Amino acid sequence: MSETMELQVDPRYPVGKFQRPESVTPDARAAAIAAIAEMPAKLTDAVKGLDERQLDTPYREGGWTVRQLVHHIADSHMNAYLRIRFALTEDWPTIKPYDEQTWAMLADSTSAPITWSVLLLENLHARWAFLLETLSAEQWARGMKHPEMGPMSVEIATQLYAWHARNHVAHITRLREGKGW
């Protein structure tokens, strides 16, 4: 490979695939909480000024539109917040997965104003970060059973959704960079 060839990044994972850590340091925990708290502002910046045509542009070949992506983040993070609450209040509950692709095709994902999901995320993430800041060591170790991803502690779920937030915002910012928007 020549030195001038650029390494191709998988457009599905602009920040890299999620790497499930063996353990989580206090600094990594704090960084994840910060990422969750900061995501709505970063998303707002990422979509600022986009017109209807741009919102209905897929972020990658064969991918969702920016509009679907914004609504997906809201769907996913509402589920994540509730899953963490179940994990904190029940003994390793089995959580219900959902078909993200089918949800992304519903009318509220394909046609609704993104402002609805952006505002929802602002409030959801404020409450979620507040809750995470209050957890004890015992609560961080509580968890859930995911039928597809296996057992997951609150601590690992927090790392996953911090990554999820960064990854999807990067989808939008990379699209904007690529299109010159």
C-alpha atoms as a PDB file:
ATOM      1  CA  MET A   1       0.000   0.000   0.000  1.00  0.00           C
ATOM      2  CA  SER A   2       1.387   3.376  -0.924  1.00  0.00           C
ATOM      3  CA  GLU A   3       1.897   6.079   1.678  1.00  0.00           C
ATOM      4  CA  THR A   4      -0.518   8.353  -0.175  1.00  0.00           C
ATOM      5  CA  MET A   5      -3.453   5.909   0.013  1.00  0.00           C
ATOM      6  CA  GLU A   6      -5.927   6.859   2.684  1.00  0.00           C
ATOM      7  CA  LEU A   7      -7.373   4.230   4.965  1.00  0.00           C
ATOM      8  CA  GLN A   8     -11.065   3.888   4.110  1.00  0.00           C
ATOM      9  CA  VAL A   9     -13.385   4.351   7.080  1.00  0.00           C
ATOM     10  CA  ASP A  10     -16.538   2.215   7.143  1.00  0.00           C
ATOM     11  CA  PRO A  11     -19.274   4.848   6.629  1.00  0.00           C
ATOM     12  CA  ARG A  12     -21.510   3.002   9.103  1.00  0.00           C
ATOM     13  CA  TYR A  13     -18.967   3.619  11.884  1.00  0.00           C
ATOM     14  CA  PRO A  14     -17.285   6.989  11.380  1.00  0.00           C
ATOM     15  CA  VAL A  15     -15.959   6.929  14.962  1.00  0.00           C
ATOM     16  CA  GLY A  16     -15.102   3.202  14.746  1.00  0.00           C
ATOM     17  CA  LYS A  17     -17.118   0.220  15.936  1.00  0.00           C
ATOM     18  CA  PHE A  18     -18.115   0.062  19.576  1.00  0.00           C
ATOM     19  CA  GLN A  19     -15.485  -1.755  21.610  1.00  0.00           C
ATOM     20  CA  ARG A  20     -17.039  -3.258  24.727  1.00  0.00           C
ATOM     21  CA  PRO A  21     -14.550  -2.543  27.516  1.00  0.00           C
ATOM     22  CA  GLU A  22     -13.559  -5.216  30.020  1.00  0.00           C
ATOM     23  CA  SER A  23     -13.792  -2.620  32.778  1.00  0.00           C
ATOM     24  CA  VAL A  24     -14.610   1.064  32.968  1.00  0.00           C
ATOM     25  CA  THR A  25     -12.408   3.595  34.703  1.00  0.00           C
ATOM     26  CA  PRO A  26     -13.882   6.574  36.569  1.00  0.00           C
ATOM     27  CA  ASP A  27     -12.526   8.834  33.808  1.00  0.00           C
ATOM     28  CA  ALA A  28     -14.209   6.738  31.097  1.00  0.00           C
ATOM     29  CA  ARG A  29     -17.452   6.807  33.074  1.00  0.00           C
ATOM     30  CA  ALA A  30     -17.272  10.603  33.408  1.00  0.00           C
ATOM     31  CA  ALA A  31     -16.487  10.957  29.699  1.00  0.00           C
ATOM     32  CA  ALA A  32     -19.505   8.814  28.785  1.00  0.00           C
ATOM     33  CA  ILE A  33     -21.816  10.874  30.996  1.00  0.00           C
ATOM     34  CA  ALA A  34     -20.417  14.044  29.414  1.00  0.00           C
ATOM     35  CA  ALA A  35     -20.972  12.631  25.909  1.00  0.00           C
ATOM     36  CA  ILE A  36     -24.594  11.852  26.781  1.00  0.00           C
ATOM     37  CA  ALA A  37     -25.103  15.300  28.315  1.00  0.00           C
ATOM     38  CA  GLU A  38     -23.478  17.110  25.361  1.00  0.00           C
ATOM     39  CA  MET A  39     -25.026  15.125  22.509  1.00  0.00           C
ATOM     40  CA  PRO A  40     -28.181  17.231  22.012  1.00  0.00           C
ATOM     41  CA  ALA A  41     -26.130  20.412  21.533  1.00  0.00           C
ATOM     42  CA  LYS A  42     -23.785  18.609  19.143  1.00  0.00           C
ATOM     43  CA  LEU A  43     -26.739  17.223  17.206  1.00  0.00           C
ATOM     44  CA  THR A  44     -28.322  20.690  17.053  1.00  0.00           C
ATOM     45  CA  ASP A  45     -25.070  22.074  15.625  1.00  0.00           C
ATOM     46  CA  ALA A  46     -24.816  19.192  13.156  1.00  0.00           C
ATOM     47  CA  VAL A  47     -28.297  19.788  11.669  1.00  0.00           C
ATOM     48  CA  LYS A  48     -28.329  23.583  11.924  1.00  0.00           C
ATOM     49  CA  GLY A  49     -29.383  25.244   8.693  1.00  0.00           C
ATOM     50  CA  LEU A  50     -30.188  22.059   6.769  1.00  0.00           C
ATOM     51  CA  ASP A  51     -33.098  22.420   4.374  1.00  0.00           C
ATOM     52  CA  GLU A  52     -35.770  19.812   3.607  1.00  0.00           C
ATOM     53  CA  ARG A  53     -33.808  18.367   0.668  1.00  0.00           C
ATOM     54  CA  GLN A  54     -30.701  18.011   2.801  1.00  0.00           C
ATOM     55  CA  LEU A  55     -32.660  16.427   5.668  1.00  0.00           C
ATOM     56  CA  ASP A  56     -34.016  13.872   3.204  1.00  0.00           C
ATOM     57  CA  THR A  57     -30.537  12.967   1.931  1.00  0.00           C
ATOM     58  CA  PRO A  58     -29.120   9.595   3.036  1.00  0.00           C
ATOM     59  CA  TYR A  59     -25.996   9.975   5.160  1.00  0.00           C
ATOM     60  CA  ARG A  60     -24.400   7.118   3.194  1.00  0.00           C
ATOM     61  CA  GLU A  61     -25.202   4.881   0.231  1.00  0.00           C
ATOM     62  CA  GLY A  62     -28.099   2.647   1.298  1.00  0.00           C
ATOM     63  CA  GLY A  63     -28.407   4.425   4.646  1.00  0.00           C
ATOM     64  CA  TRP A  64     -31.101   6.392   6.378  1.00  0.00           C
ATOM     65  CA  THR A  65     -31.777  10.018   5.611  1.00  0.00           C
ATOM     66  CA  VAL A  66     -30.582  12.658   8.048  1.00  0.00           C
ATOM     67  CA  ARG A  67     -34.228  13.039   9.142  1.00  0.00           C
ATOM     68  CA  GLN A  68     -34.564   9.294   9.825  1.00  0.00           C
ATOM     69  CA  LEU A  69     -31.245   9.325  11.644  1.00  0.00           C
ATOM     70  CA  VAL A  70     -32.305  12.130  13.992  1.00  0.00           C
ATOM     71  CA  HIS A  71     -35.581  10.366  14.778  1.00  0.00           C
ATOM     72  CA  HIS A  72     -33.711   7.065  15.218  1.00  0.00           C
ATOM     73  CA  ILE A  73     -31.453   8.638  17.830  1.00  0.00           C
ATOM     74  CA  ALA A  74     -34.538   9.730  19.772  1.00  0.00           C
ATOM     75  CA  ASP A  75     -36.114   6.263  19.478  1.00  0.00           C
ATOM     76  CA  SER A  76     -32.911   4.520  20.492  1.00  0.00           C
ATOM     77  CA  HIS A  77     -32.088   6.791  23.394  1.00  0.00           C
ATOM     78  CA  MET A  78     -35.632   6.686  24.797  1.00  0.00           C
ATOM     79  CA  ASN A  79     -35.289   2.902  24.809  1.00  0.00           C
ATOM     80  CA  ALA A  80     -31.820   3.084  26.360  1.00  0.00           C
ATOM     81  CA  TYR A  81     -32.953   5.410  29.136  1.00  0.00           C
ATOM     82  CA  LEU A  82     -35.863   3.110  29.991  1.00  0.00           C
ATOM     83  CA  ARG A  83     -33.642   0.025  29.847  1.00  0.00           C
ATOM     84  CA  ILE A  84     -31.260   1.605  32.354  1.00  0.00           C
ATOM     85  CA  ARG A  85     -34.180   2.492  34.621  1.00  0.00           C
ATOM     86  CA  PHE A  86     -35.408  -1.118  34.435  1.00  0.00           C
ATOM     87  CA  ALA A  87     -31.899  -2.352  35.247  1.00  0.00           C
ATOM     88  CA  LEU A  88     -31.777  -0.050  38.265  1.00  0.00           C
ATOM     89  CA  THR A  89     -35.149  -1.194  39.594  1.00  0.00           C
ATOM     90  CA  GLU A  90     -35.399  -4.864  38.611  1.00  0.00           C
ATOM     91  CA  ASP A  91     -33.108  -7.871  38.943  1.00  0.00           C
ATOM     92  CA  TRP A  92     -31.333  -8.212  35.566  1.00  0.00           C
ATOM     93  CA  PRO A  93     -34.473  -7.829  33.433  1.00  0.00           C
ATOM     94  CA  THR A  94     -34.591  -9.149  29.901  1.00  0.00           C
ATOM     95  CA  ILE A  95     -35.123  -6.114  27.737  1.00  0.00           C
ATOM     96  CA  LYS A  96     -37.200  -5.991  24.589  1.00  0.00           C
ATOM     97  CA  PRO A  97     -35.294  -5.304  21.384  1.00  0.00           C
ATOM     98  CA  TYR A  98     -37.001  -3.521  18.490  1.00  0.00           C
ATOM     99  CA  ASP A  99     -36.588  -3.531  14.726  1.00  0.00           C
ATOM    100  CA  GLU A 100     -34.742  -0.272  14.069  1.00  0.00           C
ATOM    101  CA  GLN A 101     -35.144  -0.564  10.293  1.00  0.00           C
ATOM    102  CA  THR A 102     -38.922  -0.926  10.521  1.00  0.00           C
ATOM    103  CA  TRP A 103     -39.190   1.911  13.038  1.00  0.00           C
ATOM    104  CA  ALA A 104     -37.151   4.135  10.696  1.00  0.00           C
ATOM    105  CA  MET A 105     -39.725   3.571   7.954  1.00  0.00           C
ATOM    106  CA  LEU A 106     -42.712   4.760  10.017  1.00  0.00           C
ATOM    107  CA  ALA A 107     -44.209   8.115   8.972  1.00  0.00           C
ATOM    108  CA  ASP A 108     -42.976   9.940  12.072  1.00  0.00           C
ATOM    109  CA  SER A 109     -39.416   8.934  11.152  1.00  0.00           C
ATOM    110  CA  THR A 110     -39.656   9.722   7.439  1.00  0.00           C
ATOM    111  CA  SER A 111     -41.730  12.906   7.515  1.00  0.00           C
ATOM    112  CA  ALA A 112     -41.963  14.573  10.936  1.00  0.00           C
ATOM    113  CA  PRO A 113     -39.958  17.708  11.703  1.00  0.00           C
ATOM    114  CA  ILE A 114     -36.597  16.885  13.274  1.00  0.00           C
ATOM    115  CA  THR A 115     -37.151  19.637  15.832  1.00  0.00           C
ATOM    116  CA  TRP A 116     -39.522  17.317  17.685  1.00  0.00           C
ATOM    117  CA  SER A 117     -36.805  14.716  18.235  1.00  0.00           C
ATOM    118  CA  VAL A 118     -34.086  17.293  18.897  1.00  0.00           C
ATOM    119  CA  LEU A 119     -36.188  18.892  21.655  1.00  0.00           C
ATOM    120  CA  LEU A 120     -37.082  15.483  23.059  1.00  0.00           C
ATOM    121  CA  LEU A 121     -33.391  14.578  23.169  1.00  0.00           C
ATOM    122  CA  GLU A 122     -32.464  17.814  24.962  1.00  0.00           C
ATOM    123  CA  ASN A 123     -34.781  16.982  27.835  1.00  0.00           C
ATOM    124  CA  LEU A 124     -34.204  13.224  27.802  1.00  0.00           C
ATOM    125  CA  HIS A 125     -30.421  13.617  27.883  1.00  0.00           C
ATOM    126  CA  ALA A 126     -30.567  16.196  30.676  1.00  0.00           C
ATOM    127  CA  ARG A 127     -32.587  13.799  32.805  1.00  0.00           C
ATOM    128  CA  TRP A 128     -30.460  10.787  31.783  1.00  0.00           C
ATOM    129  CA  ALA A 129     -27.155  12.531  32.621  1.00  0.00           C
ATOM    130  CA  PHE A 130     -28.621  13.716  35.926  1.00  0.00           C
ATOM    131  CA  LEU A 131     -29.594  10.134  36.815  1.00  0.00           C
ATOM    132  CA  LEU A 132     -26.175   8.757  35.823  1.00  0.00           C
ATOM    133  CA  GLU A 133     -24.407  11.360  37.980  1.00  0.00           C
ATOM    134  CA  THR A 134     -26.278  10.062  41.048  1.00  0.00           C
ATOM    135  CA  LEU A 135     -25.457   6.347  40.718  1.00  0.00           C
ATOM    136  CA  SER A 136     -23.596   4.402  43.390  1.00  0.00           C
ATOM    137  CA  ALA A 137     -20.983   1.747  42.597  1.00  0.00           C
ATOM    138  CA  GLU A 138     -23.620  -0.917  43.233  1.00  0.00           C
ATOM    139  CA  GLN A 139     -26.028   0.733  40.794  1.00  0.00           C
ATOM    140  CA  TRP A 140     -23.376   0.969  38.050  1.00  0.00           C
ATOM    141  CA  ALA A 141     -22.911  -2.807  38.382  1.00  0.00           C
ATOM    142  CA  ARG A 142     -26.622  -3.590  37.985  1.00  0.00           C
ATOM    143  CA  GLY A 143     -27.669  -4.695  34.544  1.00  0.00           C
ATOM    144  CA  MET A 144     -29.960  -6.157  31.983  1.00  0.00           C
ATOM    145  CA  LYS A 145     -30.082  -9.118  29.643  1.00  0.00           C
ATOM    146  CA  HIS A 146     -30.206  -8.127  26.005  1.00  0.00           C
ATOM    147  CA  PRO A 147     -31.491 -10.971  23.786  1.00  0.00           C
ATOM    148  CA  GLU A 148     -29.029 -10.032  21.022  1.00  0.00           C
ATOM    149  CA  MET A 149     -26.086  -8.496  22.922  1.00  0.00           C
ATOM    150  CA  GLY A 150     -26.091 -10.614  26.086  1.00  0.00           C
ATOM    151  CA  PRO A 151     -25.767  -9.386  29.669  1.00  0.00           C
ATOM    152  CA  MET A 152     -24.899  -5.707  29.967  1.00  0.00           C
ATOM    153  CA  SER A 153     -24.264  -3.657  33.086  1.00  0.00           C
ATOM    154  CA  VAL A 154     -25.531  -0.099  33.429  1.00  0.00           C
ATOM    155  CA  GLU A 155     -21.882   0.932  33.160  1.00  0.00           C
ATOM    156  CA  ILE A 156     -21.406  -0.829  29.800  1.00  0.00           C
ATOM    157  CA  ALA A 157     -24.772   0.404  28.494  1.00  0.00           C
ATOM    158  CA  THR A 158     -23.684   3.951  29.294  1.00  0.00           C
ATOM    159  CA  GLN A 159     -20.460   3.445  27.325  1.00  0.00           C
ATOM    160  CA  LEU A 160     -22.467   1.990  24.412  1.00  0.00           C
ATOM    161  CA  TYR A 161     -24.889   4.895  24.189  1.00  0.00           C
ATOM    162  CA  ALA A 162     -22.152   7.501  24.554  1.00  0.00           C
ATOM    163  CA  TRP A 163     -20.518   5.831  21.523  1.00  0.00           C
ATOM    164  CA  HIS A 164     -23.908   5.657  19.757  1.00  0.00           C
ATOM    165  CA  ALA A 165     -24.391   9.406  20.227  1.00  0.00           C
ATOM    166  CA  ARG A 166     -20.918  10.257  18.885  1.00  0.00           C
ATOM    167  CA  ASN A 167     -21.268   7.856  15.947  1.00  0.00           C
ATOM    168  CA  HIS A 168     -24.597   9.216  14.700  1.00  0.00           C
ATOM    169  CA  VAL A 169     -23.637  12.867  15.070  1.00  0.00           C
ATOM    170  CA  ALA A 170     -20.500  12.015  13.067  1.00  0.00           C
ATOM    171  CA  HIS A 171     -22.707  10.531  10.312  1.00  0.00           C
ATOM    172  CA  ILE A 172     -24.292  13.939   9.863  1.00  0.00           C
ATOM    173  CA  THR A 173     -21.120  16.006  10.172  1.00  0.00           C
ATOM    174  CA  ARG A 174     -19.266  13.758   7.707  1.00  0.00           C
ATOM    175  CA  LEU A 175     -22.139  14.010   5.229  1.00  0.00           C
ATOM    176  CA  ARG A 176     -22.070  17.804   5.532  1.00  0.00           C
ATOM    177  CA  GLU A 177     -18.298  17.862   5.019  1.00  0.00           C
ATOM    178  CA  GLY A 178     -18.571  15.559   1.999  1.00  0.00           C
ATOM    179  CA  LYS A 179     -21.360  17.606   0.419  1.00  0.00           C
ATOM    180  CA  GLY A 180     -19.889  20.976   1.338  1.00  0.00           C
ATOM    181  CA  TRP A 181     -23.000  21.993   3.291  1.00  0.00           C
END
